[in-house]
Amino acid sequence: MSAGPWRYFWPWRRLASLWSAEYRCCSVAATPWRSCSGSCPPARPMSRQGLRSRSVRRRAAHGLVTGVVLYVGSILLVPVSQAGEASDFKSWLALRDAGIVKQQRDFSCGVTALATYLSLYLDTPVTEAELLQLLQLHGDDWGLPEDWREQGVSYATLIALATYHGVQAAGLAVTPERLMSLRVPAIVRLQVDGVAHFSVLRGIDRAGRLHLADPSWGNRQLSSDHFLTLWLDPAQNAQVGTLMLLRNNRSVQPLDGPDALQPRRPLVRAPG
């Protein structure tokens, strides 16, 4: 029986050998389901070449299994490392935004700065949505302009919202020297790319860095020079800036000591 070109493949060669004259029963009456009635030649032992072929196939199989295991392991390890990076990123975000009511709308920086101050310092938890609802209900009584959603709110509106929650508030214009000696947190108004932006000044450290709890940026610290470029009011010839102070009977703000305005939470350094 000739195997033709398939003789080069070991499965075919093995099958062909089973039906070769060397292994086939000598009796014509023998069938796959009936034993032969005559005498058959003894099976020839496997040659050294056959043993070597089997050894080669066994080593190839082991190599294939090892390769599959390593490949699957590499697939499983990638998501683990990515999960660790995602966890670190979430931890960084949580630290950056700790204690801050983040703004969800372009025009709500003033409202969320007030919500952050009330919640963080005056034991009056409030959300951005609650303050915006108050503006819709009482905006006409407080003299809120019709385009406040495009222009944002003013100190007067923030004072009205604070008063509604039983908090005393006042807007002030102060010099940089007075600002740097401030011992309590304040809401400040900045000019960012020509647009007014409210933020919460949390503290000033010994190095003169100003720490902000910002509704858009998160916890951020700025050098005094950088902060003053954003804070000094160009309408006042950049000689003074504005801020708002708040207090109520539940306030627990520190009132003495050179570091009374130092941040109470770990902050994340941001570019700029």
C-alpha atoms as a PDB file:
ATOM      1  CA  MET A   1       0.000   0.000   0.000  1.00  0.00           C
ATOM      2  CA  SER A   2       1.529   3.231  -1.091  1.00  0.00           C
ATOM      3  CA  ALA A   3       0.911   6.339   1.041  1.00  0.00           C
ATOM      4  CA  GLY A   4       2.023   8.709  -1.698  1.00  0.00           C
ATOM      5  CA  PRO A   5       3.021  12.222  -0.633  1.00  0.00           C
ATOM      6  CA  TRP A   6       1.173  11.753   2.680  1.00  0.00           C
ATOM      7  CA  ARG A   7       3.916   9.431   3.863  1.00  0.00           C
ATOM      8  CA  TYR A   8       5.795  12.476   5.122  1.00  0.00           C
ATOM      9  CA  PHE A   9       3.210  13.179   7.812  1.00  0.00           C
ATOM     10  CA  TRP A  10       3.647  11.054  10.907  1.00  0.00           C
ATOM     11  CA  PRO A  11      -0.093  10.356  11.607  1.00  0.00           C
ATOM     12  CA  TRP A  12      -0.489   8.889   8.117  1.00  0.00           C
ATOM     13  CA  ARG A  13       2.717   6.913   8.438  1.00  0.00           C
ATOM     14  CA  ARG A  14       1.509   5.436  11.715  1.00  0.00           C
ATOM     15  CA  LEU A  15      -1.840   4.466  10.181  1.00  0.00           C
ATOM     16  CA  ALA A  16      -0.135   2.956   7.140  1.00  0.00           C
ATOM     17  CA  SER A  17       2.161   0.881   9.315  1.00  0.00           C
ATOM     18  CA  LEU A  18      -0.786  -0.686  11.118  1.00  0.00           C
ATOM     19  CA  TRP A  19      -2.003  -2.096   7.776  1.00  0.00           C
ATOM     20  CA  SER A  20       1.399  -3.022   6.422  1.00  0.00           C
ATOM     21  CA  ALA A  21       2.469  -6.608   5.855  1.00  0.00           C
ATOM     22  CA  GLU A  22       4.658  -6.484   8.920  1.00  0.00           C
ATOM     23  CA  TYR A  23       1.757  -5.992  11.309  1.00  0.00           C
ATOM     24  CA  ARG A  24      -1.272  -7.341   9.391  1.00  0.00           C
ATOM     25  CA  CYS A  25      -2.535 -10.783  10.368  1.00  0.00           C
ATOM     26  CA  CYS A  26      -1.451 -13.447   7.879  1.00  0.00           C
ATOM     27  CA  SER A  27      -4.888 -15.097   7.754  1.00  0.00           C
ATOM     28  CA  VAL A  28      -7.212 -14.029   4.991  1.00  0.00           C
ATOM     29  CA  ALA A  29     -10.169 -14.598   7.305  1.00  0.00           C
ATOM     30  CA  ALA A  30      -8.969 -11.989   9.779  1.00  0.00           C
ATOM     31  CA  THR A  31     -11.159  -8.890  10.094  1.00  0.00           C
ATOM     32  CA  PRO A  32     -11.093  -5.879  12.379  1.00  0.00           C
ATOM     33  CA  TRP A  33     -13.841  -7.471  14.516  1.00  0.00           C
ATOM     34  CA  ARG A  34     -12.666 -11.102  14.391  1.00  0.00           C
ATOM     35  CA  SER A  35      -9.323 -12.477  15.512  1.00  0.00           C
ATOM     36  CA  CYS A  36      -7.208 -14.290  13.004  1.00  0.00           C
ATOM     37  CA  SER A  37      -7.264 -18.071  13.116  1.00  0.00           C
ATOM     38  CA  GLY A  38      -3.759 -18.572  11.890  1.00  0.00           C
ATOM     39  CA  SER A  39      -0.373 -17.680  13.154  1.00  0.00           C
ATOM     40  CA  CYS A  40       0.856 -14.129  12.817  1.00  0.00           C
ATOM     41  CA  PRO A  41       4.432 -12.955  12.827  1.00  0.00           C
ATOM     42  CA  PRO A  42       5.480 -11.312  16.062  1.00  0.00           C
ATOM     43  CA  ALA A  43       5.274  -7.525  16.183  1.00  0.00           C
ATOM     44  CA  ARG A  44       8.574  -5.916  15.393  1.00  0.00           C
ATOM     45  CA  PRO A  45       9.881  -3.687  18.225  1.00  0.00           C
ATOM     46  CA  MET A  46      10.063   0.030  17.530  1.00  0.00           C
ATOM     47  CA  SER A  47      13.373   1.140  16.117  1.00  0.00           C
ATOM     48  CA  ARG A  48      15.625   3.784  17.639  1.00  0.00           C
ATOM     49  CA  GLN A  49      14.501   6.181  14.965  1.00  0.00           C
ATOM     50  CA  GLY A  50      10.867   5.651  16.024  1.00  0.00           C
ATOM     51  CA  LEU A  51      11.774   6.239  19.653  1.00  0.00           C
ATOM     52  CA  ARG A  52      13.554   9.427  18.696  1.00  0.00           C
ATOM     53  CA  SER A  53      10.521  10.566  16.692  1.00  0.00           C
ATOM     54  CA  ARG A  54       8.243   9.943  19.664  1.00  0.00           C
ATOM     55  CA  SER A  55      10.612  11.852  21.949  1.00  0.00           C
ATOM     56  CA  VAL A  56      10.681  14.764  19.520  1.00  0.00           C
ATOM     57  CA  ARG A  57       6.899  14.843  19.373  1.00  0.00           C
ATOM     58  CA  ARG A  58       6.680  14.712  23.168  1.00  0.00           C
ATOM     59  CA  ARG A  59       9.104  17.625  23.525  1.00  0.00           C
ATOM     60  CA  ALA A  60       7.176  19.573  20.893  1.00  0.00           C
ATOM     61  CA  ALA A  61       3.935  18.958  22.785  1.00  0.00           C
ATOM     62  CA  HIS A  62       5.518  20.127  26.049  1.00  0.00           C
ATOM     63  CA  GLY A  63       6.828  23.225  24.301  1.00  0.00           C
ATOM     64  CA  LEU A  64       3.413  23.964  22.851  1.00  0.00           C
ATOM     65  CA  VAL A  65       1.731  23.641  26.263  1.00  0.00           C
ATOM     66  CA  THR A  66       4.358  25.882  27.864  1.00  0.00           C
ATOM     67  CA  GLY A  67       3.874  28.502  25.155  1.00  0.00           C
ATOM     68  CA  VAL A  68       0.098  28.469  25.606  1.00  0.00           C
ATOM     69  CA  VAL A  69       0.447  28.834  29.396  1.00  0.00           C
ATOM     70  CA  LEU A  70       2.829  31.780  29.044  1.00  0.00           C
ATOM     71  CA  TYR A  71       0.579  33.460  26.479  1.00  0.00           C
ATOM     72  CA  VAL A  72      -2.532  33.074  28.638  1.00  0.00           C
ATOM     73  CA  GLY A  73      -0.578  34.326  31.654  1.00  0.00           C
ATOM     74  CA  SER A  74       0.499  37.428  29.770  1.00  0.00           C
ATOM     75  CA  ILE A  75      -3.124  38.112  28.820  1.00  0.00           C
ATOM     76  CA  LEU A  76      -4.213  37.769  32.441  1.00  0.00           C
ATOM     77  CA  LEU A  77      -1.416  39.967  33.779  1.00  0.00           C
ATOM     78  CA  VAL A  78      -2.184  42.977  31.566  1.00  0.00           C
ATOM     79  CA  PRO A  79      -5.633  43.720  33.039  1.00  0.00           C
ATOM     80  CA  VAL A  80      -4.179  43.416  36.560  1.00  0.00           C
ATOM     81  CA  SER A  81      -1.604  46.155  35.915  1.00  0.00           C
ATOM     82  CA  GLN A  82      -4.178  48.294  34.161  1.00  0.00           C
ATOM     83  CA  ALA A  83      -6.551  47.854  37.095  1.00  0.00           C
ATOM     84  CA  GLY A  84      -3.792  49.052  39.431  1.00  0.00           C
ATOM     85  CA  GLU A  85      -3.208  52.149  37.326  1.00  0.00           C
ATOM     86  CA  ALA A  86      -6.952  52.865  37.232  1.00  0.00           C
ATOM     87  CA  SER A  87      -7.110  52.511  41.014  1.00  0.00           C
ATOM     88  CA  ASP A  88      -4.197  54.945  41.456  1.00  0.00           C
ATOM     89  CA  PHE A  89      -5.871  57.426  39.111  1.00  0.00           C
ATOM     90  CA  LYS A  90      -9.132  57.220  41.059  1.00  0.00           C
ATOM     91  CA  SER A  91      -7.221  57.773  44.309  1.00  0.00           C
ATOM     92  CA  TRP A  92      -5.556  60.844  42.812  1.00  0.00           C
ATOM     93  CA  LEU A  93      -8.925  62.213  41.693  1.00  0.00           C
ATOM     94  CA  ALA A  94     -10.408  61.615  45.145  1.00  0.00           C
ATOM     95  CA  LEU A  95      -7.524  63.501  46.760  1.00  0.00           C
ATOM     96  CA  ARG A  96      -7.728  66.339  44.245  1.00  0.00           C
ATOM     97  CA  ASP A  97     -11.467  66.844  44.771  1.00  0.00           C
ATOM     98  CA  ALA A  98     -11.621  66.128  48.526  1.00  0.00           C
ATOM     99  CA  GLY A  99     -14.103  68.391  50.304  1.00  0.00           C
ATOM    100  CA  ILE A 100     -15.138  70.246  47.139  1.00  0.00           C
ATOM    101  CA  VAL A 101     -18.565  70.625  45.560  1.00  0.00           C
ATOM    102  CA  LYS A 102     -17.609  70.388  41.879  1.00  0.00           C
ATOM    103  CA  GLN A 103     -19.445  72.563  39.386  1.00  0.00           C
ATOM    104  CA  GLN A 104     -21.532  70.768  36.779  1.00  0.00           C
ATOM    105  CA  ARG A 105     -22.413  73.827  34.681  1.00  0.00           C
ATOM    106  CA  ASP A 106     -20.348  76.535  33.038  1.00  0.00           C
ATOM    107  CA  PHE A 107     -22.078  79.350  34.941  1.00  0.00           C
ATOM    108  CA  SER A 108     -22.192  77.770  38.410  1.00  0.00           C
ATOM    109  CA  CYS A 109     -18.683  78.398  39.775  1.00  0.00           C
ATOM    110  CA  GLY A 110     -19.981  81.032  42.213  1.00  0.00           C
ATOM    111  CA  VAL A 111     -22.813  78.805  43.431  1.00  0.00           C
ATOM    112  CA  THR A 112     -20.554  75.783  43.923  1.00  0.00           C
ATOM    113  CA  ALA A 113     -17.853  77.877  45.611  1.00  0.00           C
ATOM    114  CA  LEU A 114     -20.502  78.963  48.122  1.00  0.00           C
ATOM    115  CA  ALA A 115     -21.717  75.361  48.508  1.00  0.00           C
ATOM    116  CA  THR A 116     -18.133  74.248  49.183  1.00  0.00           C
ATOM    117  CA  TYR A 117     -17.616  76.960  51.806  1.00  0.00           C
ATOM    118  CA  LEU A 118     -20.923  76.294  53.576  1.00  0.00           C
ATOM    119  CA  SER A 119     -20.354  72.531  53.611  1.00  0.00           C
ATOM    120  CA  LEU A 120     -16.658  72.544  54.474  1.00  0.00           C
ATOM    121  CA  TYR A 121     -16.406  75.352  57.015  1.00  0.00           C
ATOM    122  CA  LEU A 122     -19.819  76.367  58.345  1.00  0.00           C
ATOM    123  CA  ASP A 123     -21.429  72.983  59.008  1.00  0.00           C
ATOM    124  CA  THR A 124     -24.178  73.723  56.473  1.00  0.00           C
ATOM    125  CA  PRO A 125     -24.106  70.938  53.859  1.00  0.00           C
ATOM    126  CA  VAL A 126     -25.700  72.058  50.605  1.00  0.00           C
ATOM    127  CA  THR A 127     -25.465  71.021  46.961  1.00  0.00           C
ATOM    128  CA  GLU A 128     -25.160  72.887  43.704  1.00  0.00           C
ATOM    129  CA  ALA A 129     -28.643  71.734  42.643  1.00  0.00           C
ATOM    130  CA  GLU A 130     -30.238  73.058  45.848  1.00  0.00           C
ATOM    131  CA  LEU A 131     -28.705  76.511  45.439  1.00  0.00           C
ATOM    132  CA  LEU A 132     -29.666  76.688  41.764  1.00  0.00           C
ATOM    133  CA  GLN A 133     -33.236  75.794  42.679  1.00  0.00           C
ATOM    134  CA  LEU A 134     -33.272  78.653  45.185  1.00  0.00           C
ATOM    135  CA  LEU A 135     -32.144  81.026  42.449  1.00  0.00           C
ATOM    136  CA  GLN A 136     -35.020  79.906  40.256  1.00  0.00           C
ATOM    137  CA  LEU A 137     -37.523  80.370  43.078  1.00  0.00           C
ATOM    138  CA  HIS A 138     -36.244  83.659  44.537  1.00  0.00           C
ATOM    139  CA  GLY A 139     -34.191  85.142  41.707  1.00  0.00           C
ATOM    140  CA  ASP A 140     -36.711  87.907  40.997  1.00  0.00           C
ATOM    141  CA  ASP A 141     -36.860  88.912  44.675  1.00  0.00           C
ATOM    142  CA  TRP A 142     -33.075  89.071  44.838  1.00  0.00           C
ATOM    143  CA  GLY A 143     -32.763  91.146  41.676  1.00  0.00           C
ATOM    144  CA  LEU A 144     -31.153  88.378  39.667  1.00  0.00           C
ATOM    145  CA  PRO A 145     -30.719  89.435  36.004  1.00  0.00           C
ATOM    146  CA  GLU A 146     -32.396  87.354  33.324  1.00  0.00           C
ATOM    147  CA  ASP A 147     -29.092  86.391  31.710  1.00  0.00           C
ATOM    148  CA  TRP A 148     -27.498  85.086  34.902  1.00  0.00           C
ATOM    149  CA  ARG A 149     -27.083  81.644  33.334  1.00  0.00           C
ATOM    150  CA  GLU A 150     -24.833  83.189  30.676  1.00  0.00           C
ATOM    151  CA  GLN A 151     -23.114  85.790  32.861  1.00  0.00           C
ATOM    152  CA  GLY A 152     -22.952  83.922  36.162  1.00  0.00           C
ATOM    153  CA  VAL A 153     -23.779  85.361  39.561  1.00  0.00           C
ATOM    154  CA  SER A 154     -22.369  88.290  41.526  1.00  0.00           C
ATOM    155  CA  TYR A 155     -21.287  88.758  45.125  1.00  0.00           C
ATOM    156  CA  ALA A 156     -24.745  90.208  45.823  1.00  0.00           C
ATOM    157  CA  THR A 157     -26.406  86.966  44.728  1.00  0.00           C
ATOM    158  CA  LEU A 158     -24.015  84.860  46.806  1.00  0.00           C
ATOM    159  CA  ILE A 159     -24.691  87.044  49.840  1.00  0.00           C
ATOM    160  CA  ALA A 160     -28.448  86.553  49.322  1.00  0.00           C
ATOM    161  CA  LEU A 161     -27.981  82.777  49.157  1.00  0.00           C
ATOM    162  CA  ALA A 162     -25.796  82.792  52.268  1.00  0.00           C
ATOM    163  CA  THR A 163     -28.322  84.907  54.168  1.00  0.00           C
ATOM    164  CA  TYR A 164     -31.075  82.448  53.227  1.00  0.00           C
ATOM    165  CA  HIS A 165     -29.047  79.758  55.049  1.00  0.00           C
ATOM    166  CA  GLY A 166     -28.564  81.925  58.129  1.00  0.00           C
ATOM    167  CA  VAL A 167     -24.991  82.896  57.312  1.00  0.00           C
ATOM    168  CA  GLN A 168     -23.617  86.426  57.534  1.00  0.00           C
ATOM    169  CA  ALA A 169     -21.618  87.435  54.474  1.00  0.00           C
ATOM    170  CA  ALA A 170     -19.874  90.561  53.244  1.00  0.00           C
ATOM    171  CA  GLY A 171     -17.954  91.429  50.076  1.00  0.00           C
ATOM    172  CA  LEU A 172     -14.717  93.389  50.499  1.00  0.00           C
ATOM    173  CA  ALA A 173     -11.999  94.958  48.353  1.00  0.00           C
ATOM    174  CA  VAL A 174      -8.579  94.498  49.967  1.00  0.00           C
ATOM    175  CA  THR A 175      -4.934  95.026  49.098  1.00  0.00           C
ATOM    176  CA  PRO A 176      -2.501  92.142  48.580  1.00  0.00           C
ATOM    177  CA  GLU A 177      -0.928  92.903  51.976  1.00  0.00           C
ATOM    178  CA  ARG A 178      -4.278  92.545  53.742  1.00  0.00           C
ATOM    179  CA  LEU A 179      -5.026  89.393  51.798  1.00  0.00           C
ATOM    180  CA  MET A 180      -1.753  87.743  52.835  1.00  0.00           C
ATOM    181  CA  SER A 181      -2.505  88.496  56.485  1.00  0.00           C
ATOM    182  CA  LEU A 182      -5.993  86.992  56.309  1.00  0.00           C
ATOM    183  CA  ARG A 183      -6.582  84.320  58.952  1.00  0.00           C
ATOM    184  CA  VAL A 184      -9.874  82.781  57.815  1.00  0.00           C
ATOM    185  CA  PRO A 185     -11.015  81.144  54.560  1.00  0.00           C
ATOM    186  CA  ALA A 186     -12.727  83.344  52.000  1.00  0.00           C
ATOM    187  CA  ILE A 187     -14.445  83.209  48.638  1.00  0.00           C
ATOM    188  CA  VAL A 188     -12.365  85.041  46.040  1.00  0.00           C
ATOM    189  CA  ARG A 189     -13.141  86.190  42.525  1.00  0.00           C
ATOM    190  CA  LEU A 190     -10.480  85.604  39.892  1.00  0.00           C
ATOM    191  CA  GLN A 191     -10.100  86.585  36.261  1.00  0.00           C
ATOM    192  CA  VAL A 192      -9.227  83.496  34.213  1.00  0.00           C
ATOM    193  CA  ASP A 193      -8.700  84.234  30.524  1.00  0.00           C
ATOM    194  CA  GLY A 194     -10.812  87.351  30.899  1.00  0.00           C
ATOM    195  CA  VAL A 195     -13.735  85.508  32.516  1.00  0.00           C
ATOM    196  CA  ALA A 196     -14.776  85.958  36.149  1.00  0.00           C
ATOM    197  CA  HIS A 197     -14.345  82.808  38.209  1.00  0.00           C
ATOM    198  CA  PHE A 198     -15.138  82.195  41.899  1.00  0.00           C
ATOM    199  CA  SER A 199     -12.992  79.982  44.089  1.00  0.00           C
ATOM    200  CA  VAL A 200     -12.505  79.243  47.789  1.00  0.00           C
ATOM    201  CA  LEU A 201      -9.258  80.391  49.388  1.00  0.00           C
ATOM    202  CA  ARG A 202      -8.517  77.691  51.942  1.00  0.00           C
ATOM    203  CA  GLY A 203      -5.232  78.887  53.318  1.00  0.00           C
ATOM    204  CA  ILE A 204      -1.794  80.446  52.930  1.00  0.00           C
ATOM    205  CA  ASP A 205       1.210  78.395  54.007  1.00  0.00           C
ATOM    206  CA  ARG A 206       4.584  79.506  55.386  1.00  0.00           C
ATOM    207  CA  ALA A 207       6.078  79.586  51.886  1.00  0.00           C
ATOM    208  CA  GLY A 208       3.429  82.074  50.765  1.00  0.00           C
ATOM    209  CA  ARG A 209       1.555  79.605  48.563  1.00  0.00           C
ATOM    210  CA  LEU A 210      -2.189  80.097  48.389  1.00  0.00           C
ATOM    211  CA  HIS A 211      -4.331  76.973  48.575  1.00  0.00           C
ATOM    212  CA  LEU A 212      -7.615  76.899  46.713  1.00  0.00           C
ATOM    213  CA  ALA A 213     -10.624  74.596  46.879  1.00  0.00           C
ATOM    214  CA  ASP A 214     -11.767  75.316  43.369  1.00  0.00           C
ATOM    215  CA  PRO A 215     -15.089  74.084  41.939  1.00  0.00           C
ATOM    216  CA  SER A 216     -13.440  73.457  38.569  1.00  0.00           C
ATOM    217  CA  TRP A 217      -9.751  72.730  39.251  1.00  0.00           C
ATOM    218  CA  GLY A 218     -10.103  70.874  42.538  1.00  0.00           C
ATOM    219  CA  ASN A 219      -7.601  71.363  45.367  1.00  0.00           C
ATOM    220  CA  ARG A 220      -4.828  73.486  43.953  1.00  0.00           C
ATOM    221  CA  GLN A 221      -1.974  75.619  45.232  1.00  0.00           C
ATOM    222  CA  LEU A 222      -0.597  78.700  43.511  1.00  0.00           C
ATOM    223  CA  SER A 223       2.394  80.891  44.129  1.00  0.00           C
ATOM    224  CA  SER A 224       1.548  84.347  45.425  1.00  0.00           C
ATOM    225  CA  ASP A 225       2.673  85.963  42.161  1.00  0.00           C
ATOM    226  CA  HIS A 226       0.495  83.681  40.069  1.00  0.00           C
ATOM    227  CA  PHE A 227      -2.487  84.150  42.350  1.00  0.00           C
ATOM    228  CA  LEU A 228      -2.198  87.938  42.334  1.00  0.00           C
ATOM    229  CA  THR A 229      -2.183  88.040  38.528  1.00  0.00           C
ATOM    230  CA  LEU A 230      -5.547  86.269  38.623  1.00  0.00           C
ATOM    231  CA  TRP A 231      -7.011  88.039  41.641  1.00  0.00           C
ATOM    232  CA  LEU A 232      -6.138  91.742  41.338  1.00  0.00           C
ATOM    233  CA  ASP A 233      -9.063  93.587  39.779  1.00  0.00           C
ATOM    234  CA  PRO A 234      -8.149  95.369  36.520  1.00  0.00           C
ATOM    235  CA  ALA A 235     -11.123  97.679  37.074  1.00  0.00           C
ATOM    236  CA  GLN A 236      -9.320  98.948  40.198  1.00  0.00           C
ATOM    237  CA  ASN A 237      -5.994  99.469  38.391  1.00  0.00           C
ATOM    238  CA  ALA A 238      -4.854  96.099  39.732  1.00  0.00           C
ATOM    239  CA  GLN A 239      -4.287  97.632  43.152  1.00  0.00           C
ATOM    240  CA  VAL A 240      -6.890  95.633  45.065  1.00  0.00           C
ATOM    241  CA  GLY A 241      -8.849  92.425  44.694  1.00  0.00           C
ATOM    242  CA  THR A 242     -12.208  91.318  45.996  1.00  0.00           C
ATOM    243  CA  LEU A 243     -13.277  88.572  48.365  1.00  0.00           C
ATOM    244  CA  MET A 244     -16.236  87.532  50.493  1.00  0.00           C
ATOM    245  CA  LEU A 245     -16.105  86.582  54.169  1.00  0.00           C
ATOM    246  CA  LEU A 246     -18.751  84.403  55.805  1.00  0.00           C
ATOM    247  CA  ARG A 247     -19.555  83.367  59.355  1.00  0.00           C
ATOM    248  CA  ASN A 248     -22.333  81.898  61.465  1.00  0.00           C
ATOM    249  CA  ASN A 249     -22.773  80.731  65.035  1.00  0.00           C
ATOM    250  CA  ARG A 250     -21.611  77.219  64.113  1.00  0.00           C
ATOM    251  CA  SER A 251     -18.400  78.416  62.511  1.00  0.00           C
ATOM    252  CA  VAL A 252     -15.274  76.739  63.852  1.00  0.00           C
ATOM    253  CA  GLN A 253     -12.743  78.869  61.994  1.00  0.00           C
ATOM    254  CA  PRO A 254      -9.371  79.451  63.656  1.00  0.00           C
ATOM    255  CA  LEU A 255      -8.916  83.071  64.681  1.00  0.00           C
ATOM    256  CA  ASP A 256      -5.365  83.269  66.001  1.00  0.00           C
ATOM    257  CA  GLY A 257      -1.844  82.180  65.187  1.00  0.00           C
ATOM    258  CA  PRO A 258       0.349  82.918  62.148  1.00  0.00           C
ATOM    259  CA  ASP A 259      -0.696  79.691  60.436  1.00  0.00           C
ATOM    260  CA  ALA A 260      -4.408  79.871  61.211  1.00  0.00           C
ATOM    261  CA  LEU A 261      -5.302  79.778  57.528  1.00  0.00           C
ATOM    262  CA  GLN A 262      -3.176  76.756  56.686  1.00  0.00           C
ATOM    263  CA  PRO A 263      -5.003  74.016  54.750  1.00  0.00           C
ATOM    264  CA  ARG A 264      -6.414  71.251  56.918  1.00  0.00           C
ATOM    265  CA  ARG A 265      -6.385  68.548  54.208  1.00  0.00           C
ATOM    266  CA  PRO A 266      -3.568  67.191  52.028  1.00  0.00           C
ATOM    267  CA  LEU A 267      -3.549  69.012  48.719  1.00  0.00           C
ATOM    268  CA  VAL A 268      -2.401  68.118  45.230  1.00  0.00           C
ATOM    269  CA  ARG A 269       0.088  70.354  43.500  1.00  0.00           C
ATOM    270  CA  ALA A 270      -1.169  71.376  40.069  1.00  0.00           C
ATOM    271  CA  PRO A 271       0.729  73.008  37.209  1.00  0.00           C
ATOM    272  CA  GLY A 272       0.821  76.774  37.312  1.00  0.00           C
END
